[in-house]
Protein backbone atom coordinates (compact mmCIF):
# COMPACT_ATOMS: atom_id res chain seq x y z
CA MET A 1 -107.01 37.21 18.56
CA ARG A 2 -106.04 34.78 21.31
CA ARG A 3 -106.24 31.88 18.86
CA ARG A 4 -103.89 33.70 16.45
CA HIS A 5 -101.37 34.31 19.22
CA LYS A 6 -101.56 30.66 20.23
CA ARG A 7 -101.00 29.58 16.62
CA ARG A 8 -97.95 31.89 16.33
CA ARG A 9 -96.51 30.55 19.58
CA ALA A 10 -97.09 26.99 18.35
CA ARG A 11 -95.32 27.75 15.05
CA ARG A 12 -92.39 29.36 16.90
CA GLY A 13 -92.18 26.38 19.24
CA SER A 14 -92.21 23.96 16.31
CA SER A 15 -89.50 25.93 14.49
CA LEU A 16 -87.32 26.05 17.60
CA PHE A 17 -87.79 22.33 18.14
CA LEU A 18 -86.79 21.59 14.54
CA LEU A 19 -83.65 23.75 14.90
CA VAL A 20 -82.65 21.86 18.05
CA ILE A 21 -83.14 18.50 16.30
CA LEU A 22 -81.13 19.74 13.29
CA PHE A 23 -78.29 20.95 15.54
CA ILE A 24 -78.11 17.56 17.27
CA LEU A 25 -78.05 15.68 13.97
CA VAL A 26 -75.47 17.91 12.25
CA ILE A 27 -73.19 18.90 15.14
CA GLY A 28 -73.92 16.95 18.28
CA ILE A 29 -73.86 13.32 17.12
CA PRO A 30 -70.66 13.62 14.99
CA ALA A 31 -68.95 15.43 17.87
CA LEU A 32 -69.87 12.63 20.27
CA LEU A 33 -68.68 10.00 17.80
CA VAL A 34 -65.34 11.72 17.28
CA ARG A 35 -64.89 12.21 21.02
CA SER A 36 -65.52 8.53 21.67
CA CYS A 37 -62.96 7.37 19.06
CA THR A 38 -59.38 6.63 20.05
CA VAL A 39 -58.11 8.19 16.78
CA SER A 40 -59.48 11.55 15.73
CA PHE A 41 -60.70 11.88 12.14
CA PHE A 42 -59.46 15.47 12.15
CA SER A 43 -55.97 15.01 13.55
CA ILE A 44 -53.05 16.22 11.36
CA PRO A 45 -49.91 14.06 11.32
CA LYS A 46 -47.02 15.88 12.93
CA ALA A 47 -43.62 16.04 11.23
CA PRO A 48 -40.70 15.10 13.48
CA LEU A 49 -38.35 17.80 14.72
CA VAL A 50 -34.86 18.11 13.30
CA VAL A 51 -31.92 19.90 14.92
CA ILE A 52 -29.46 21.55 12.56
CA TRP A 53 -26.24 23.48 13.03
CA ASP A 54 -26.32 26.86 11.29
CA GLU A 55 -22.85 27.55 9.90
CA GLN A 56 -23.66 31.22 9.34
CA SER A 57 -24.69 32.10 12.89
CA ASN A 58 -22.84 29.24 14.66
CA THR A 59 -25.99 28.26 16.53
CA LEU A 60 -28.27 25.25 16.87
CA MET A 61 -31.73 25.52 15.30
CA SER A 62 -34.74 23.28 15.80
CA MET A 63 -37.59 23.06 13.30
CA THR A 64 -40.07 20.59 11.84
CA LEU A 65 -38.78 18.29 9.13
CA GLU A 66 -41.12 19.90 6.59
CA GLU A 67 -39.73 23.37 7.36
CA TYR A 68 -36.24 21.96 6.98
CA VAL A 69 -37.08 20.34 3.63
CA GLN A 70 -38.30 23.67 2.26
CA GLY A 71 -34.92 25.24 3.06
CA VAL A 72 -33.03 22.31 1.49
CA VAL A 73 -35.00 22.47 -1.77
CA ALA A 74 -34.45 26.23 -1.87
CA ALA A 75 -30.70 25.74 -1.43
CA GLU A 76 -30.05 22.56 -3.40
CA MET A 77 -32.11 22.86 -6.61
CA PRO A 78 -32.84 25.83 -8.91
CA ALA A 79 -36.47 26.82 -8.35
CA SER A 80 -36.75 27.33 -12.13
CA PHE A 81 -36.77 23.53 -12.50
CA GLY A 82 -40.02 21.70 -13.23
CA LEU A 83 -42.41 21.10 -10.35
CA GLU A 84 -42.00 17.30 -10.55
CA ALA A 85 -38.21 17.69 -10.27
CA LEU A 86 -38.66 19.90 -7.20
CA LYS A 87 -40.99 17.29 -5.71
CA ALA A 88 -38.40 14.57 -6.33
CA GLN A 89 -35.81 16.77 -4.61
CA ALA A 90 -38.17 17.30 -1.66
CA VAL A 91 -38.66 13.54 -1.18
CA ALA A 92 -34.91 12.89 -1.47
CA ALA A 93 -34.09 15.65 1.04
CA ARG A 94 -36.80 14.47 3.44
CA THR A 95 -35.62 10.86 3.18
CA TYR A 96 -32.00 11.80 3.81
CA ALA A 97 -32.90 13.78 6.95
CA TYR A 98 -35.54 11.30 8.20
CA ARG A 99 -33.00 8.48 8.01
CA ARG A 100 -30.58 10.45 10.19
CA ILE A 101 -33.32 11.24 12.71
CA GLN A 102 -34.41 7.59 12.90
CA ARG A 103 -30.82 6.39 13.31
CA ASN A 104 -29.96 9.26 15.67
CA ASP A 105 -27.02 10.20 13.44
CA THR A 106 -25.35 13.49 14.37
CA ILE A 107 -22.60 15.78 13.09
CA PRO A 108 -19.21 14.82 14.61
CA GLU A 109 -18.28 18.46 15.25
CA HIS A 110 -21.73 19.22 16.70
CA PRO A 111 -23.13 16.07 18.37
CA ASP A 112 -26.40 17.80 19.27
CA ALA A 113 -27.27 18.38 15.60
CA HIS A 114 -28.62 15.86 13.09
CA LEU A 115 -27.46 17.98 10.17
CA SER A 116 -25.66 21.18 9.22
CA THR A 117 -26.55 23.95 6.78
CA ASP A 118 -23.23 23.23 5.02
CA TYR A 119 -23.65 20.95 1.99
CA LYS A 120 -20.34 19.25 2.82
CA SER A 121 -21.99 17.55 5.79
CA GLY A 122 -24.84 16.19 3.67
CA GLN A 123 -27.31 18.81 2.45
CA ALA A 124 -27.30 22.56 2.02
CA TRP A 125 -30.04 24.62 3.71
CA VAL A 126 -30.98 28.28 3.38
CA SER A 127 -33.34 30.51 5.35
CA TRP A 128 -36.09 32.39 3.54
CA GLU A 129 -34.45 35.65 4.60
CA THR A 130 -31.25 34.70 2.79
CA PHE A 131 -33.28 33.35 -0.12
CA PHE A 132 -35.05 36.70 -0.54
CA ASP A 133 -31.74 38.53 -0.35
CA ARG A 134 -30.50 36.36 -3.19
CA TYR A 135 -33.51 36.70 -5.51
CA GLY A 136 -35.17 39.91 -4.38
CA LEU A 137 -38.51 40.08 -2.61
CA LEU A 138 -40.80 39.95 -5.68
CA GLN A 139 -39.11 37.07 -7.49
CA GLY A 140 -38.27 35.41 -4.20
CA ARG A 141 -41.95 35.28 -3.18
CA GLN A 142 -42.90 33.66 -6.49
CA LEU A 143 -40.16 31.04 -6.21
CA GLN A 144 -40.98 30.44 -2.54
CA LYS A 145 -44.58 29.66 -3.50
CA LYS A 146 -43.40 27.09 -6.05
CA ILE A 147 -40.99 25.44 -3.60
CA LYS A 148 -43.63 25.26 -0.85
CA LYS A 149 -46.07 23.72 -3.33
CA ALA A 150 -43.55 20.98 -4.19
CA VAL A 151 -42.90 20.24 -0.52
CA ASN A 152 -46.56 20.36 0.53
CA GLN A 153 -47.65 18.04 -2.29
CA THR A 154 -45.20 15.40 -1.03
CA ILE A 155 -45.58 15.99 2.70
CA GLY A 156 -44.49 12.97 4.73
CA TRP A 157 -43.39 10.86 1.74
CA ILE A 158 -39.98 9.15 1.82
CA ALA A 159 -38.11 6.58 -0.28
CA VAL A 160 -37.53 3.16 1.29
CA TYR A 161 -35.76 -0.10 0.40
CA ASP A 162 -36.84 -3.23 2.25
CA GLY A 163 -38.93 -0.96 4.44
CA GLU A 164 -36.01 1.22 5.57
CA PRO A 165 -35.30 4.85 4.57
CA ILE A 166 -32.61 4.92 1.90
CA LEU A 167 -29.41 6.93 1.83
CA ALA A 168 -30.90 9.40 -0.64
CA VAL A 169 -27.75 11.01 -2.02
CA TYR A 170 -27.86 13.17 -5.14
CA HIS A 171 -25.64 15.35 -7.29
CA SER A 172 -25.90 18.10 -9.88
CA THR A 173 -25.10 16.40 -13.19
CA SER A 174 -24.09 12.83 -14.04
CA GLY A 175 -22.36 13.50 -17.36
CA GLY A 176 -24.30 10.66 -19.00
CA ARG A 177 -24.25 7.88 -16.43
CA THR A 178 -24.61 7.71 -12.66
CA GLU A 179 -22.21 5.72 -10.48
CA ASN A 180 -22.35 2.74 -8.12
CA SER A 181 -22.04 3.79 -4.48
CA GLU A 182 -19.00 1.58 -3.78
CA HIS A 183 -17.04 3.26 -6.57
CA TYR A 184 -17.09 6.59 -4.75
CA TRP A 185 -17.60 5.50 -1.15
CA SER A 186 -16.85 2.13 0.41
CA GLU A 187 -20.42 0.87 0.97
CA GLN A 188 -22.25 -1.08 -1.72
CA LEU A 189 -25.96 -0.27 -1.57
CA PRO A 190 -28.42 -2.14 -3.83
CA TYR A 191 -30.49 0.92 -4.70
CA LEU A 192 -27.47 3.09 -5.57
CA ARG A 193 -26.62 1.44 -8.89
CA GLY A 194 -25.31 3.31 -11.90
CA VAL A 195 -27.90 3.98 -14.61
CA HIS A 196 -27.73 5.44 -18.11
CA ASP A 197 -28.67 9.11 -17.81
CA PRO A 198 -29.45 10.92 -21.07
CA TYR A 199 -31.76 13.34 -19.25
CA SER A 200 -29.03 15.62 -17.87
CA ALA A 201 -27.39 16.32 -21.25
CA SER A 202 -28.72 19.91 -21.30
CA SER A 203 -26.94 20.77 -18.05
CA PRO A 204 -24.29 23.51 -18.34
CA TYR A 205 -22.03 21.13 -16.40
CA HIS A 206 -22.48 18.14 -18.71
CA PHE A 207 -19.01 18.79 -20.17
CA THR A 208 -16.46 21.36 -18.96
CA THR A 209 -12.69 21.84 -19.03
CA ALA A 210 -10.18 22.90 -16.38
CA THR A 211 -6.63 24.05 -17.18
CA PHE A 212 -3.67 24.05 -14.79
CA SER A 213 -0.06 25.04 -15.23
CA THR A 214 2.40 22.23 -14.58
CA ALA A 215 3.57 24.14 -11.51
CA GLN A 216 0.01 24.36 -10.15
CA LEU A 217 -0.57 20.67 -10.76
CA CYS A 218 2.68 19.67 -9.07
CA GLY A 219 1.86 21.83 -6.07
CA SER A 220 -1.67 20.45 -5.67
CA LEU A 221 -0.63 16.82 -6.08
CA GLU A 222 2.66 17.28 -4.21
CA VAL A 223 4.77 15.72 -6.96
CA SER A 224 8.04 16.84 -8.54
CA LYS A 225 6.83 16.72 -12.17
CA SER A 226 3.54 16.19 -13.96
CA THR A 227 4.64 15.26 -17.48
CA ASP A 228 4.17 11.55 -16.80
CA LEU A 229 0.62 11.81 -15.44
CA ARG A 230 -1.62 9.03 -16.74
CA VAL A 231 -4.98 7.48 -15.99
CA VAL A 232 -4.34 3.85 -15.05
CA GLU A 233 -7.85 2.45 -14.54
CA ARG A 234 -11.47 3.50 -14.91
CA TYR A 235 -14.78 2.27 -13.56
CA PRO A 236 -17.38 0.99 -16.07
CA SER A 237 -19.11 4.38 -15.92
CA GLY A 238 -15.98 6.07 -17.27
CA ARG A 239 -15.03 7.73 -14.01
CA VAL A 240 -11.39 7.47 -13.03
CA LYS A 241 -10.40 4.81 -10.52
CA THR A 242 -6.63 5.36 -10.28
CA VAL A 243 -4.08 7.86 -11.59
CA GLU A 244 -0.31 7.53 -11.65
CA VAL A 245 1.95 10.59 -11.43
CA GLY A 246 5.64 9.71 -11.23
CA ASP A 247 6.01 7.26 -8.38
CA LYS A 248 2.73 8.29 -6.72
CA TRP A 249 -0.74 6.80 -7.11
CA PHE A 250 -4.02 8.62 -6.53
CA SER A 251 -7.69 7.67 -6.68
CA GLY A 252 -9.80 9.59 -9.16
CA ARG A 253 -11.75 11.00 -6.22
CA GLU A 254 -8.57 12.31 -4.61
CA VAL A 255 -7.42 13.99 -7.83
CA ARG A 256 -10.83 15.59 -8.14
CA GLN A 257 -10.71 16.92 -4.58
CA ARG A 258 -7.12 18.14 -4.74
CA LEU A 259 -7.63 19.99 -8.03
CA GLY A 260 -11.21 21.11 -7.42
CA LEU A 261 -12.51 19.33 -10.54
CA ARG A 262 -16.27 19.10 -11.00
CA SER A 263 -16.19 15.29 -11.07
CA SER A 264 -13.89 12.28 -11.21
CA TRP A 265 -14.91 11.51 -14.80
CA PHE A 266 -12.12 13.15 -16.78
CA THR A 267 -9.45 12.80 -19.43
CA VAL A 268 -6.05 14.54 -19.36
CA ASP A 269 -4.09 16.31 -22.10
CA LEU A 270 -0.55 17.66 -21.62
CA LEU A 271 0.02 20.83 -23.66
CA GLN A 272 3.55 22.23 -23.21
CA ASN A 273 3.35 24.03 -19.85
CA ASP A 274 -0.37 23.36 -19.27
CA VAL A 275 -2.42 20.36 -18.28
CA VAL A 276 -6.03 20.32 -19.54
CA PHE A 277 -8.72 18.22 -17.87
CA SER A 278 -11.86 17.46 -19.86
CA VAL A 279 -14.58 16.77 -17.29
CA TRP A 280 -18.00 15.12 -17.58
CA GLY A 281 -20.64 15.89 -14.98
CA PHE A 282 -20.68 17.73 -11.67
CA GLY A 283 -20.62 15.97 -8.30
CA HIS A 284 -19.95 12.44 -7.07
CA GLY A 285 -22.36 10.96 -9.60
CA VAL A 286 -24.17 8.66 -7.13
CA GLY A 287 -27.96 8.60 -6.83
CA MET A 288 -30.26 11.21 -8.36
CA SER A 289 -28.94 13.62 -10.95
CA GLN A 290 -30.68 16.94 -10.29
CA TYR A 291 -30.40 18.19 -13.87
CA GLY A 292 -31.45 14.71 -14.96
CA ALA A 293 -34.52 14.97 -12.72
CA ASP A 294 -35.44 18.24 -14.42
CA GLY A 295 -34.84 16.68 -17.84
CA MET A 296 -37.22 13.85 -16.94
CA ALA A 297 -39.78 16.32 -15.59
CA GLN A 298 -39.66 18.25 -18.88
CA GLN A 299 -40.39 14.99 -20.71
CA GLY A 300 -43.51 14.37 -18.62
CA TYR A 301 -42.26 12.00 -15.92
CA ASP A 302 -43.67 12.51 -12.43
CA TYR A 303 -41.64 12.64 -9.25
CA GLN A 304 -42.31 8.98 -8.36
CA GLU A 305 -40.94 7.85 -11.73
CA ILE A 306 -37.91 10.13 -11.38
CA LEU A 307 -37.03 8.76 -7.95
CA GLN A 308 -37.56 5.14 -8.95
CA TYR A 309 -35.30 5.62 -11.98
CA TYR A 310 -32.31 6.99 -10.07
CA TYR A 311 -32.82 4.88 -6.94
CA GLN A 312 -33.21 1.30 -8.14
CA GLY A 313 -35.81 -0.97 -6.54
CA ILE A 314 -37.16 1.56 -4.04
CA GLU A 315 -40.72 2.17 -2.90
CA LEU A 316 -42.34 5.38 -1.75
CA LYS A 317 -43.88 5.32 1.71
CA LYS A 318 -45.86 7.78 3.83
CA ALA A 319 -43.74 8.15 6.98
CA TYR A 320 -46.18 10.48 8.82
């Protein structure tokens, strides 16, 4: 009997000893190695913080850049678009904001904020609460999942040119060709070159018309008569450079803004007491066409190919 007890104790002791050795090998040694390293194998890169001005509540909000990008994608691009298009939008939105953070650019009216929720200051942004109000809770949850997937699958990635974050501007629909940056703004940027864009042809804004009475047109342009309105010069893309109305001259951009046209790519027809504008595209036309991005996604292009098509000569870089 005593021998049996001794054997059992010996077996128990051996088993306990083996468990201790196993614990040291599996847990102890890796933990010591990680602790001794200057960079942890398990650390998660942290997204920078961005401060935005909320136009709805008139307050400053601070959040991580990834949280901000989710709200921009939700506000700027229909969630029904292809996943690769949403991923391209996420990288463009992240790049635009990251560039402002790096350069410490702020909103003139709100110098403590990098950006505003108003699209006129750069990018639109929407909270999930407002998003659910818009789509309903059930559909909203499904679309939220898709948007978060697009953002999470591109986390930290930005577009760069010569190693610097680009000015990643975008618009709804090009109308068939995007525009050079200097033809809408003053700065000529090498990656914002006009490209042929057949991919946005299915957009509902590819071609539209807008009709004004002669009185409306005169009031908006502050001229005495509109019967002698004519387009004087166009850019190679087809967008209007200058317009002459009587003794006044306007840029195509100014006519677009004064009349609320969808773009500066238009023709004009005078019909008795009405003036009809035929308009191609929606937005300034510079950079990525959002409907074009979806068209490319539907044809099997991935988000890297979409971005490198609309932003010429760029590279994609992991910023964090």
